[in-house]
Amino acid sequence: MCYTTAIQKEAEDLERRFKRIADAEAKLFKKSQFEAGFTFPKTPVIANDKPNIISLLSWGLLPPWAKDKTFRRNLLNAKIETIKELPSFRNSLKNRCLVLVDGFYEWKWLDEKGKNKEKYHIKLPGNKAFAMAGIWSDWVDKETGEILKTYTIVTTEADALMSEIHNTKKRMPVILTPDNEDKWLNGDEVDNFKHPKVELVAEKE
């Protein structure tokens, strides 16, 4: 799965890489070496309702029917194999987004119960920024009227490198090549993205 990411690029770097303009809030985003999903951070995203803008969305999808914010802890990730079937994701499938990062973290289990682990920082060669596939949803807080825009990261089967590191569930985020970013954003069939071919490097920390 993917529960921790890194975004160590400034807004200007993301604007150059993805050829979009950051909105006022995104321009104030402070780069981070460690974004933990279970804290539900707001991170840089390009959503298909504003495809030319980099904005900040909250990690942890809240479907419109969710009763309260606690539900999002269950929806930090979405398996691409079942994304079209599960009610939590099915209604948001047309709401595509690019989750902008320059790395993520996984822990390799060294024993059967995971008491001993090794932490790995996974990234592209040269520590370049890249996009993970995501979907988003608007959720309205019935008590306050607040509209919260949230997202989840889409995952797929681990490749050879990630199978060695994420050696329990053997999953990884769907990492989009530059050629595939607009295809995902524009709603291409999800099956086309199940096995992305990307070159990753992993550093033990």
N, C-alpha and C. Protein backbone atom coordinates (compact mmCIF):
# COMPACT_ATOMS: atom_id res chain seq x y z
N MET A 1 0.85 -1.18 0.00
CA MET A 1 0.00 0.00 0.00
C MET A 1 0.89 1.24 0.00
N CYS A 2 0.32 2.39 0.18
CA CYS A 2 1.11 3.62 0.22
C CYS A 2 0.50 4.55 1.26
N TYR A 3 1.18 4.67 2.39
CA TYR A 3 0.66 5.48 3.49
C TYR A 3 1.58 6.65 3.85
N THR A 4 2.72 6.76 3.19
CA THR A 4 3.65 7.83 3.50
C THR A 4 4.33 8.30 2.22
N THR A 5 4.29 9.61 1.98
CA THR A 5 4.89 10.17 0.77
C THR A 5 5.87 11.28 1.14
N ALA A 6 6.62 11.73 0.14
CA ALA A 6 7.53 12.86 0.30
C ALA A 6 7.29 13.85 -0.84
N ILE A 7 7.26 15.13 -0.51
CA ILE A 7 7.17 16.20 -1.52
C ILE A 7 8.20 17.25 -1.13
N GLN A 8 9.41 17.07 -1.63
CA GLN A 8 10.50 17.98 -1.25
C GLN A 8 10.77 19.03 -2.33
N LYS A 9 9.78 19.26 -3.16
CA LYS A 9 9.89 20.29 -4.20
C LYS A 9 9.07 21.51 -3.80
N GLU A 10 9.55 22.67 -4.19
CA GLU A 10 8.79 23.91 -3.99
C GLU A 10 7.66 23.98 -5.03
N ALA A 11 6.69 24.87 -4.76
CA ALA A 11 5.57 25.03 -5.70
C ALA A 11 6.06 25.39 -7.10
N GLU A 12 7.11 26.22 -7.16
CA GLU A 12 7.63 26.63 -8.47
C GLU A 12 8.20 25.42 -9.23
N ASP A 13 8.82 24.50 -8.51
CA ASP A 13 9.36 23.30 -9.15
C ASP A 13 8.23 22.45 -9.73
N LEU A 14 7.15 22.31 -8.98
CA LEU A 14 6.01 21.53 -9.46
C LEU A 14 5.35 22.21 -10.66
N GLU A 15 5.28 23.54 -10.64
CA GLU A 15 4.71 24.27 -11.77
C GLU A 15 5.51 23.99 -13.04
N ARG A 16 6.83 24.01 -12.93
CA ARG A 16 7.67 23.77 -14.10
C ARG A 16 7.52 22.33 -14.60
N ARG A 17 7.54 21.39 -13.66
CA ARG A 17 7.49 19.98 -14.05
C ARG A 17 6.15 19.62 -14.69
N PHE A 18 5.05 20.08 -14.10
CA PHE A 18 3.74 19.65 -14.57
C PHE A 18 3.05 20.68 -15.47
N LYS A 19 3.73 21.81 -15.71
CA LYS A 19 3.22 22.84 -16.63
C LYS A 19 1.81 23.30 -16.26
N ARG A 20 1.61 23.50 -14.98
CA ARG A 20 0.37 24.07 -14.44
C ARG A 20 0.73 25.16 -13.45
N ILE A 21 -0.25 26.00 -13.15
CA ILE A 21 -0.07 27.07 -12.19
C ILE A 21 -0.61 26.64 -10.82
N ALA A 22 0.14 26.88 -9.79
CA ALA A 22 -0.32 26.60 -8.44
C ALA A 22 -1.27 27.71 -7.98
N ASP A 23 -2.38 27.32 -7.34
CA ASP A 23 -3.28 28.35 -6.82
C ASP A 23 -2.67 28.97 -5.56
N ALA A 24 -3.35 29.96 -4.99
CA ALA A 24 -2.78 30.73 -3.88
C ALA A 24 -2.43 29.84 -2.70
N GLU A 25 -3.30 28.87 -2.39
CA GLU A 25 -3.02 27.99 -1.25
C GLU A 25 -1.84 27.07 -1.55
N ALA A 26 -1.80 26.52 -2.75
CA ALA A 26 -0.72 25.60 -3.11
C ALA A 26 0.64 26.30 -3.13
N LYS A 27 0.67 27.59 -3.47
CA LYS A 27 1.93 28.32 -3.48
C LYS A 27 2.53 28.43 -2.09
N LEU A 28 1.69 28.29 -1.05
CA LEU A 28 2.15 28.38 0.33
C LEU A 28 2.53 27.02 0.91
N PHE A 29 2.37 25.94 0.10
CA PHE A 29 2.68 24.60 0.59
C PHE A 29 4.16 24.52 0.96
N LYS A 30 4.43 23.98 2.14
CA LYS A 30 5.81 23.81 2.58
C LYS A 30 6.27 22.39 2.25
N LYS A 31 7.37 22.30 1.53
CA LYS A 31 7.87 20.98 1.14
C LYS A 31 8.08 20.11 2.37
N SER A 32 7.88 18.82 2.17
CA SER A 32 7.89 17.91 3.31
C SER A 32 8.60 16.61 2.95
N GLN A 33 9.45 16.14 3.84
CA GLN A 33 10.15 14.88 3.62
C GLN A 33 9.30 13.69 4.01
N PHE A 34 8.23 13.92 4.78
CA PHE A 34 7.47 12.81 5.34
C PHE A 34 6.03 13.23 5.56
N GLU A 35 5.13 12.84 4.64
CA GLU A 35 3.71 13.12 4.78
C GLU A 35 3.00 11.81 5.12
N ALA A 36 2.49 11.69 6.34
CA ALA A 36 1.83 10.47 6.80
C ALA A 36 0.35 10.53 6.50
N GLY A 37 -0.15 9.54 5.78
CA GLY A 37 -1.54 9.54 5.37
C GLY A 37 -2.53 9.61 6.52
N PHE A 38 -2.20 8.97 7.63
CA PHE A 38 -3.14 8.92 8.74
C PHE A 38 -3.25 10.24 9.50
N THR A 39 -2.48 11.25 9.09
CA THR A 39 -2.69 12.60 9.60
C THR A 39 -3.55 13.42 8.63
N PHE A 40 -3.93 12.82 7.50
CA PHE A 40 -4.80 13.42 6.49
C PHE A 40 -4.29 14.79 6.02
N PRO A 41 -3.03 14.85 5.58
CA PRO A 41 -2.46 16.14 5.18
C PRO A 41 -3.06 16.65 3.87
N LYS A 42 -2.96 17.95 3.67
CA LYS A 42 -3.32 18.56 2.38
C LYS A 42 -2.05 18.65 1.55
N THR A 43 -2.07 18.02 0.38
CA THR A 43 -0.88 17.94 -0.45
C THR A 43 -1.19 18.36 -1.88
N PRO A 44 -0.17 18.67 -2.69
CA PRO A 44 -0.40 19.15 -4.05
C PRO A 44 -1.01 18.08 -4.97
N VAL A 45 -2.06 18.48 -5.65
CA VAL A 45 -2.82 17.57 -6.53
C VAL A 45 -3.30 18.36 -7.74
N ILE A 46 -3.40 17.68 -8.87
CA ILE A 46 -4.07 18.23 -10.05
C ILE A 46 -5.34 17.41 -10.26
N ALA A 47 -6.50 18.02 -10.10
CA ALA A 47 -7.78 17.32 -10.23
C ALA A 47 -8.42 17.66 -11.58
N ASN A 48 -9.19 16.73 -12.12
CA ASN A 48 -9.71 16.95 -13.47
C ASN A 48 -10.86 17.94 -13.55
N ASP A 49 -11.35 18.45 -12.41
CA ASP A 49 -12.32 19.55 -12.50
C ASP A 49 -11.63 20.90 -12.70
N LYS A 50 -10.32 20.95 -12.36
CA LYS A 50 -9.49 22.13 -12.62
C LYS A 50 -8.15 21.64 -13.16
N PRO A 51 -8.13 21.12 -14.37
CA PRO A 51 -6.96 20.40 -14.87
C PRO A 51 -5.73 21.25 -15.11
N ASN A 52 -5.87 22.57 -15.09
CA ASN A 52 -4.71 23.43 -15.33
C ASN A 52 -4.18 24.07 -14.05
N ILE A 53 -4.67 23.59 -12.91
CA ILE A 53 -4.32 24.19 -11.62
C ILE A 53 -3.75 23.13 -10.67
N ILE A 54 -2.71 23.49 -9.96
CA ILE A 54 -2.23 22.68 -8.84
C ILE A 54 -2.87 23.22 -7.57
N SER A 55 -3.58 22.38 -6.86
CA SER A 55 -4.25 22.80 -5.63
C SER A 55 -3.94 21.80 -4.52
N LEU A 56 -4.37 22.10 -3.31
CA LEU A 56 -4.14 21.22 -2.18
C LEU A 56 -5.43 20.48 -1.83
N LEU A 57 -5.36 19.16 -1.80
CA LEU A 57 -6.48 18.32 -1.39
C LEU A 57 -6.08 17.50 -0.18
N SER A 58 -7.06 17.07 0.59
CA SER A 58 -6.79 16.28 1.80
C SER A 58 -6.71 14.80 1.45
N TRP A 59 -5.65 14.16 1.92
CA TRP A 59 -5.45 12.73 1.69
C TRP A 59 -6.39 11.94 2.59
N GLY A 60 -7.11 10.99 1.98
CA GLY A 60 -8.09 10.18 2.69
C GLY A 60 -9.47 10.47 2.13
N LEU A 61 -9.92 9.62 1.20
CA LEU A 61 -11.16 9.90 0.48
C LEU A 61 -12.38 9.84 1.39
N LEU A 62 -13.25 10.83 1.24
CA LEU A 62 -14.55 10.84 1.91
C LEU A 62 -15.64 10.81 0.85
N PRO A 63 -16.31 9.67 0.65
CA PRO A 63 -17.43 9.64 -0.28
C PRO A 63 -18.53 10.59 0.19
N PRO A 64 -19.36 11.09 -0.72
CA PRO A 64 -20.41 12.02 -0.31
C PRO A 64 -21.33 11.48 0.78
N TRP A 65 -21.49 10.15 0.85
CA TRP A 65 -22.40 9.55 1.81
C TRP A 65 -21.75 9.24 3.16
N ALA A 66 -20.46 9.51 3.31
CA ALA A 66 -19.79 9.22 4.59
C ALA A 66 -20.41 10.07 5.71
N LYS A 67 -20.65 9.47 6.86
CA LYS A 67 -21.32 10.17 7.96
C LYS A 67 -20.42 11.21 8.62
N ASP A 68 -19.13 10.89 8.73
CA ASP A 68 -18.22 11.84 9.36
C ASP A 68 -16.81 11.63 8.83
N LYS A 69 -15.88 12.48 9.28
CA LYS A 69 -14.52 12.47 8.75
C LYS A 69 -13.73 11.22 9.11
N THR A 70 -14.15 10.51 10.15
CA THR A 70 -13.38 9.34 10.57
C THR A 70 -13.33 8.26 9.49
N PHE A 71 -14.28 8.29 8.56
CA PHE A 71 -14.34 7.25 7.54
C PHE A 71 -13.12 7.29 6.62
N ARG A 72 -12.48 8.43 6.50
CA ARG A 72 -11.38 8.56 5.53
C ARG A 72 -10.16 7.74 5.88
N ARG A 73 -10.01 7.36 7.14
CA ARG A 73 -8.84 6.55 7.50
C ARG A 73 -8.87 5.19 6.79
N ASN A 74 -10.06 4.78 6.32
CA ASN A 74 -10.19 3.51 5.60
C ASN A 74 -9.89 3.64 4.11
N LEU A 75 -9.77 4.87 3.63
CA LEU A 75 -9.71 5.08 2.18
C LEU A 75 -8.50 5.92 1.77
N LEU A 76 -7.36 5.63 2.37
CA LEU A 76 -6.12 6.29 1.95
C LEU A 76 -5.64 5.74 0.61
N ASN A 77 -5.97 4.48 0.34
CA ASN A 77 -5.59 3.81 -0.91
C ASN A 77 -6.82 3.15 -1.54
N ALA A 78 -6.74 2.94 -2.85
CA ALA A 78 -7.79 2.22 -3.58
C ALA A 78 -7.12 1.22 -4.51
N LYS A 79 -7.47 -0.05 -4.39
CA LYS A 79 -6.90 -1.06 -5.28
C LYS A 79 -7.47 -0.91 -6.69
N ILE A 80 -6.60 -0.83 -7.67
CA ILE A 80 -7.06 -0.63 -9.04
C ILE A 80 -7.88 -1.82 -9.54
N GLU A 81 -7.61 -3.01 -8.98
CA GLU A 81 -8.32 -4.20 -9.43
C GLU A 81 -9.80 -4.19 -9.02
N THR A 82 -10.15 -3.45 -7.95
CA THR A 82 -11.53 -3.46 -7.46
C THR A 82 -12.16 -2.07 -7.45
N ILE A 83 -11.47 -1.08 -8.01
CA ILE A 83 -11.93 0.31 -7.90
C ILE A 83 -13.27 0.53 -8.59
N LYS A 84 -13.57 -0.28 -9.61
CA LYS A 84 -14.83 -0.11 -10.33
C LYS A 84 -16.00 -0.79 -9.62
N GLU A 85 -15.70 -1.61 -8.61
CA GLU A 85 -16.73 -2.42 -7.96
C GLU A 85 -17.17 -1.89 -6.60
N LEU A 86 -16.24 -1.33 -5.84
CA LEU A 86 -16.55 -0.96 -4.46
C LEU A 86 -17.31 0.36 -4.40
N PRO A 87 -18.41 0.44 -3.63
CA PRO A 87 -19.19 1.67 -3.54
C PRO A 87 -18.38 2.88 -3.09
N SER A 88 -17.38 2.67 -2.26
CA SER A 88 -16.57 3.79 -1.76
C SER A 88 -15.86 4.52 -2.89
N PHE A 89 -15.55 3.81 -3.98
CA PHE A 89 -14.78 4.39 -5.07
C PHE A 89 -15.57 4.53 -6.37
N ARG A 90 -16.54 3.66 -6.57
CA ARG A 90 -17.23 3.56 -7.86
C ARG A 90 -17.82 4.89 -8.31
N ASN A 91 -18.44 5.62 -7.36
CA ASN A 91 -19.09 6.88 -7.72
C ASN A 91 -18.09 8.02 -7.97
N SER A 92 -16.84 7.80 -7.59
CA SER A 92 -15.82 8.83 -7.78
C SER A 92 -14.85 8.49 -8.92
N LEU A 93 -15.12 7.41 -9.62
CA LEU A 93 -14.15 6.92 -10.60
C LEU A 93 -13.87 7.93 -11.71
N LYS A 94 -14.88 8.76 -12.05
CA LYS A 94 -14.65 9.77 -13.08
C LYS A 94 -13.91 10.98 -12.54
N ASN A 95 -13.77 11.07 -11.24
CA ASN A 95 -13.06 12.19 -10.61
C ASN A 95 -11.58 11.83 -10.49
N ARG A 96 -10.85 12.02 -11.56
CA ARG A 96 -9.44 11.62 -11.59
C ARG A 96 -8.55 12.75 -11.08
N CYS A 97 -7.41 12.37 -10.52
CA CYS A 97 -6.42 13.37 -10.10
C CYS A 97 -5.02 12.81 -10.18
N LEU A 98 -4.07 13.72 -10.23
CA LEU A 98 -2.64 13.40 -10.15
C LEU A 98 -2.15 13.83 -8.78
N VAL A 99 -1.60 12.90 -8.04
CA VAL A 99 -1.04 13.19 -6.72
C VAL A 99 0.45 13.44 -6.90
N LEU A 100 0.89 14.67 -6.64
CA LEU A 100 2.25 15.09 -6.97
C LEU A 100 3.20 14.82 -5.81
N VAL A 101 4.26 14.07 -6.08
CA VAL A 101 5.22 13.68 -5.05
C VAL A 101 6.61 13.61 -5.67
N ASP A 102 7.61 13.38 -4.83
CA ASP A 102 8.91 12.98 -5.37
C ASP A 102 9.45 11.74 -4.66
N GLY A 103 8.57 11.05 -3.94
CA GLY A 103 8.97 9.81 -3.32
C GLY A 103 7.90 9.28 -2.38
N PHE A 104 8.10 8.04 -1.93
CA PHE A 104 7.24 7.45 -0.92
C PHE A 104 8.07 6.47 -0.11
N TYR A 105 7.49 5.96 0.96
CA TYR A 105 8.22 5.09 1.88
C TYR A 105 7.50 3.77 2.06
N GLU A 106 8.29 2.71 2.22
CA GLU A 106 7.76 1.41 2.61
C GLU A 106 8.72 0.75 3.59
N TRP A 107 8.19 -0.19 4.35
CA TRP A 107 8.96 -0.90 5.35
C TRP A 107 9.01 -2.39 5.02
N LYS A 108 10.20 -2.91 4.91
CA LYS A 108 10.40 -4.34 4.64
C LYS A 108 10.38 -5.11 5.94
N TRP A 109 9.54 -6.13 6.01
CA TRP A 109 9.47 -6.97 7.21
C TRP A 109 10.65 -7.94 7.22
N LEU A 110 11.33 -8.01 8.36
CA LEU A 110 12.47 -8.92 8.51
C LEU A 110 12.10 -10.17 9.31
N ASP A 111 10.87 -10.22 9.80
CA ASP A 111 10.37 -11.40 10.48
C ASP A 111 8.88 -11.54 10.17
N GLU A 112 8.30 -12.67 10.55
CA GLU A 112 6.92 -12.97 10.16
C GLU A 112 5.89 -12.01 10.76
N LYS A 113 6.17 -11.45 11.92
CA LYS A 113 5.20 -10.58 12.59
C LYS A 113 5.49 -9.09 12.38
N GLY A 114 6.56 -8.78 11.69
CA GLY A 114 6.87 -7.39 11.41
C GLY A 114 7.42 -6.61 12.59
N LYS A 115 7.96 -7.31 13.57
CA LYS A 115 8.54 -6.61 14.73
C LYS A 115 9.85 -5.92 14.35
N ASN A 116 10.56 -6.51 13.42
CA ASN A 116 11.79 -5.91 12.91
C ASN A 116 11.56 -5.50 11.45
N LYS A 117 11.83 -4.23 11.15
CA LYS A 117 11.57 -3.71 9.81
C LYS A 117 12.72 -2.84 9.34
N GLU A 118 12.84 -2.73 8.03
CA GLU A 118 13.77 -1.79 7.40
C GLU A 118 12.97 -0.77 6.61
N LYS A 119 13.30 0.49 6.79
CA LYS A 119 12.59 1.57 6.11
C LYS A 119 13.31 1.91 4.80
N TYR A 120 12.53 2.05 3.72
CA TYR A 120 13.08 2.39 2.41
C TYR A 120 12.41 3.64 1.86
N HIS A 121 13.20 4.50 1.27
CA HIS A 121 12.71 5.68 0.55
C HIS A 121 12.77 5.34 -0.93
N ILE A 122 11.61 5.33 -1.59
CA ILE A 122 11.52 4.95 -2.98
C ILE A 122 11.27 6.19 -3.83
N LYS A 123 12.03 6.32 -4.91
CA LYS A 123 11.92 7.53 -5.74
C LYS A 123 12.39 7.22 -7.15
N LEU A 124 12.30 8.23 -8.04
CA LEU A 124 12.84 8.11 -9.38
C LEU A 124 14.33 8.46 -9.37
N PRO A 125 15.08 7.96 -10.32
CA PRO A 125 16.47 8.40 -10.45
C PRO A 125 16.53 9.92 -10.56
N GLY A 126 17.47 10.53 -9.85
CA GLY A 126 17.58 11.98 -9.87
C GLY A 126 16.59 12.69 -8.98
N ASN A 127 15.81 11.90 -8.23
CA ASN A 127 14.82 12.47 -7.29
C ASN A 127 13.85 13.42 -8.00
N LYS A 128 13.42 13.04 -9.19
CA LYS A 128 12.49 13.87 -9.96
C LYS A 128 11.08 13.78 -9.38
N ALA A 129 10.31 14.84 -9.55
CA ALA A 129 8.90 14.81 -9.16
C ALA A 129 8.14 13.90 -10.13
N PHE A 130 7.10 13.25 -9.61
CA PHE A 130 6.26 12.40 -10.46
C PHE A 130 4.83 12.41 -9.92
N ALA A 131 3.94 11.80 -10.68
CA ALA A 131 2.53 11.77 -10.31
C ALA A 131 2.07 10.35 -10.04
N MET A 132 1.33 10.19 -8.95
CA MET A 132 0.63 8.94 -8.68
C MET A 132 -0.83 9.10 -9.13
N ALA A 133 -1.42 8.01 -9.58
CA ALA A 133 -2.83 8.05 -9.95
C ALA A 133 -3.70 8.17 -8.70
N GLY A 134 -4.73 9.02 -8.78
CA GLY A 134 -5.64 9.17 -7.66
C GLY A 134 -7.05 9.45 -8.14
N ILE A 135 -8.00 9.34 -7.23
CA ILE A 135 -9.36 9.81 -7.47
C ILE A 135 -9.77 10.69 -6.31
N TRP A 136 -10.72 11.60 -6.55
CA TRP A 136 -11.09 12.58 -5.53
C TRP A 136 -12.60 12.63 -5.35
N SER A 137 -13.00 13.29 -4.27
CA SER A 137 -14.42 13.44 -3.98
C SER A 137 -14.64 14.70 -3.15
N ASP A 138 -15.79 15.34 -3.34
CA ASP A 138 -16.22 16.43 -2.45
C ASP A 138 -17.11 15.85 -1.35
N TRP A 139 -16.89 16.30 -0.13
CA TRP A 139 -17.70 15.86 1.01
C TRP A 139 -18.15 17.08 1.79
N VAL A 140 -19.43 17.12 2.14
CA VAL A 140 -20.00 18.25 2.87
C VAL A 140 -20.22 17.87 4.33
N ASP A 141 -19.61 18.64 5.23
CA ASP A 141 -19.83 18.46 6.66
C ASP A 141 -21.22 18.99 7.00
N LYS A 142 -22.11 18.10 7.39
CA LYS A 142 -23.50 18.50 7.64
C LYS A 142 -23.65 19.44 8.83
N GLU A 143 -22.69 19.43 9.73
CA GLU A 143 -22.77 20.30 10.90
C GLU A 143 -22.30 21.71 10.61
N THR A 144 -21.25 21.85 9.81
CA THR A 144 -20.66 23.16 9.57
C THR A 144 -20.90 23.70 8.17
N GLY A 145 -21.28 22.81 7.24
CA GLY A 145 -21.43 23.22 5.85
C GLY A 145 -20.12 23.26 5.09
N GLU A 146 -19.02 22.94 5.75
CA GLU A 146 -17.70 22.93 5.10
C GLU A 146 -17.67 21.90 3.98
N ILE A 147 -17.11 22.30 2.84
CA ILE A 147 -16.88 21.37 1.74
C ILE A 147 -15.41 20.95 1.76
N LEU A 148 -15.18 19.67 1.91
CA LEU A 148 -13.82 19.15 1.99
C LEU A 148 -13.54 18.32 0.75
N LYS A 149 -12.48 18.68 0.04
CA LYS A 149 -12.09 17.95 -1.17
C LYS A 149 -10.99 16.97 -0.80
N THR A 150 -11.25 15.69 -1.03
CA THR A 150 -10.34 14.64 -0.56
C THR A 150 -9.93 13.73 -1.71
N TYR A 151 -8.85 12.96 -1.48
CA TYR A 151 -8.39 12.05 -2.53
C TYR A 151 -7.87 10.75 -1.91
N THR A 152 -7.75 9.74 -2.77
CA THR A 152 -7.10 8.50 -2.41
C THR A 152 -6.08 8.16 -3.48
N ILE A 153 -5.02 7.45 -3.10
CA ILE A 153 -3.99 7.00 -4.03
C ILE A 153 -4.34 5.61 -4.54
N VAL A 154 -4.30 5.43 -5.85
CA VAL A 154 -4.62 4.15 -6.47
C VAL A 154 -3.39 3.26 -6.44
N THR A 155 -3.57 1.99 -6.04
CA THR A 155 -2.44 1.06 -5.95
C THR A 155 -2.64 -0.13 -6.88
N THR A 156 -1.53 -0.82 -7.14
CA THR A 156 -1.54 -1.98 -8.02
C THR A 156 -0.58 -3.03 -7.46
N GLU A 157 -0.45 -4.15 -8.17
CA GLU A 157 0.49 -5.18 -7.74
C GLU A 157 1.91 -4.63 -7.79
N ALA A 158 2.72 -5.04 -6.83
CA ALA A 158 4.10 -4.58 -6.76
C ALA A 158 4.92 -5.14 -7.92
N ASP A 159 5.86 -4.32 -8.42
CA ASP A 159 6.81 -4.83 -9.40
C ASP A 159 7.92 -5.59 -8.67
N ALA A 160 8.96 -6.00 -9.40
CA ALA A 160 10.00 -6.83 -8.80
C ALA A 160 10.69 -6.13 -7.63
N LEU A 161 11.04 -4.84 -7.82
CA LEU A 161 11.71 -4.10 -6.75
C LEU A 161 10.82 -3.97 -5.52
N MET A 162 9.56 -3.56 -5.73
CA MET A 162 8.67 -3.33 -4.61
C MET A 162 8.24 -4.63 -3.94
N SER A 163 8.23 -5.74 -4.67
CA SER A 163 7.91 -7.03 -4.05
C SER A 163 8.96 -7.43 -3.03
N GLU A 164 10.20 -7.02 -3.29
CA GLU A 164 11.28 -7.32 -2.34
C GLU A 164 11.15 -6.46 -1.08
N ILE A 165 10.67 -5.23 -1.24
CA ILE A 165 10.58 -4.31 -0.11
C ILE A 165 9.25 -4.45 0.60
N HIS A 166 8.16 -4.30 -0.13
CA HIS A 166 6.82 -4.44 0.47
C HIS A 166 6.46 -5.92 0.41
N ASN A 167 7.17 -6.70 1.21
CA ASN A 167 7.17 -8.16 1.06
C ASN A 167 6.06 -8.86 1.81
N THR A 168 5.06 -8.09 2.28
CA THR A 168 3.90 -8.71 2.91
C THR A 168 2.70 -8.61 1.97
N LYS A 169 2.19 -7.41 1.76
CA LYS A 169 1.02 -7.24 0.88
C LYS A 169 1.41 -7.12 -0.58
N LYS A 170 2.67 -6.76 -0.85
CA LYS A 170 3.19 -6.67 -2.21
C LYS A 170 2.32 -5.76 -3.09
N ARG A 171 2.19 -4.51 -2.65
CA ARG A 171 1.46 -3.50 -3.39
C ARG A 171 2.37 -2.31 -3.63
N MET A 172 1.96 -1.43 -4.53
CA MET A 172 2.67 -0.19 -4.78
C MET A 172 1.69 0.80 -5.40
N PRO A 173 1.96 2.09 -5.31
CA PRO A 173 1.10 3.06 -5.98
C PRO A 173 1.22 2.95 -7.50
N VAL A 174 0.15 3.31 -8.19
CA VAL A 174 0.21 3.42 -9.65
C VAL A 174 0.97 4.70 -9.97
N ILE A 175 2.17 4.55 -10.49
CA ILE A 175 3.03 5.68 -10.83
C ILE A 175 2.89 5.96 -12.32
N LEU A 176 2.52 7.18 -12.64
CA LEU A 176 2.25 7.54 -14.03
C LEU A 176 3.49 8.12 -14.70
N THR A 177 3.77 7.65 -15.89
CA THR A 177 4.81 8.27 -16.69
C THR A 177 4.27 9.60 -17.21
N PRO A 178 5.13 10.54 -17.58
CA PRO A 178 4.64 11.81 -18.13
C PRO A 178 3.65 11.61 -19.28
N ASP A 179 3.87 10.60 -20.13
CA ASP A 179 2.97 10.35 -21.26
C ASP A 179 1.59 9.88 -20.81
N ASN A 180 1.51 9.29 -19.62
CA ASN A 180 0.25 8.73 -19.15
C ASN A 180 -0.52 9.66 -18.21
N GLU A 181 0.09 10.76 -17.80
CA GLU A 181 -0.57 11.63 -16.81
C GLU A 181 -1.89 12.18 -17.32
N ASP A 182 -1.89 12.75 -18.51
CA ASP A 182 -3.13 13.31 -19.06
C ASP A 182 -4.13 12.21 -19.42
N LYS A 183 -3.63 11.04 -19.80
CA LYS A 183 -4.54 9.92 -20.10
C LYS A 183 -5.32 9.52 -18.85
N TRP A 184 -4.63 9.43 -17.72
CA TRP A 184 -5.33 9.11 -16.47
C TRP A 184 -6.31 10.24 -16.12
N LEU A 185 -5.83 11.46 -16.19
CA LEU A 185 -6.65 12.60 -15.82
C LEU A 185 -7.91 12.70 -16.68
N ASN A 186 -7.79 12.33 -17.95
CA ASN A 186 -8.91 12.46 -18.88
C ASN A 186 -9.84 11.25 -18.89
N GLY A 187 -9.56 10.26 -18.02
CA GLY A 187 -10.52 9.17 -17.85
C GLY A 187 -10.28 7.92 -18.65
N ASP A 188 -9.04 7.67 -19.08
CA ASP A 188 -8.75 6.41 -19.78
C ASP A 188 -9.13 5.22 -18.92
N GLU A 189 -9.41 4.10 -19.55
CA GLU A 189 -9.80 2.87 -18.86
C GLU A 189 -8.77 2.49 -17.79
N VAL A 190 -9.24 2.18 -16.59
CA VAL A 190 -8.32 1.91 -15.48
C VAL A 190 -7.43 0.70 -15.74
N ASP A 191 -7.93 -0.28 -16.50
CA ASP A 191 -7.14 -1.48 -16.74
C ASP A 191 -5.84 -1.17 -17.48
N ASN A 192 -5.78 -0.04 -18.18
CA ASN A 192 -4.56 0.33 -18.89
C ASN A 192 -3.42 0.73 -17.96
N PHE A 193 -3.72 0.90 -16.67
CA PHE A 193 -2.72 1.42 -15.74
C PHE A 193 -2.34 0.42 -14.65
N LYS A 194 -2.74 -0.83 -14.80
CA LYS A 194 -2.53 -1.81 -13.73
C LYS A 194 -1.06 -2.15 -13.51
N HIS A 195 -0.28 -2.10 -14.55
CA HIS A 195 1.12 -2.51 -14.42
C HIS A 195 2.04 -1.44 -15.01
N PRO A 196 2.19 -0.32 -14.32
CA PRO A 196 3.05 0.75 -14.85
C PRO A 196 4.50 0.33 -14.92
N LYS A 197 5.16 0.74 -15.98
CA LYS A 197 6.58 0.41 -16.14
C LYS A 197 7.40 1.66 -15.84
N VAL A 198 7.95 1.71 -14.65
CA VAL A 198 8.76 2.86 -14.24
C VAL A 198 10.05 2.35 -13.60
N GLU A 199 11.08 3.16 -13.70
CA GLU A 199 12.35 2.82 -13.08
C GLU A 199 12.42 3.50 -11.71
N LEU A 200 12.43 2.71 -10.66
CA LEU A 200 12.49 3.24 -9.31
C LEU A 200 13.82 2.87 -8.66
N VAL A 201 14.24 3.69 -7.72
CA VAL A 201 15.40 3.36 -6.89
C VAL A 201 14.95 3.41 -5.43
N ALA A 202 15.59 2.60 -4.62
CA ALA A 202 15.22 2.52 -3.21
C ALA A 202 16.45 2.70 -2.34
N GLU A 203 16.35 3.58 -1.36
CA GLU A 203 17.44 3.81 -0.42
C GLU A 203 17.01 3.38 0.98
N LYS A 204 17.82 2.58 1.63
CA LYS A 204 17.52 2.16 2.99
C LYS A 204 17.83 3.31 3.93
N GLU A 205 16.92 3.58 4.87
CA GLU A 205 17.12 4.70 5.81
C GLU A 205 17.20 4.19 7.24
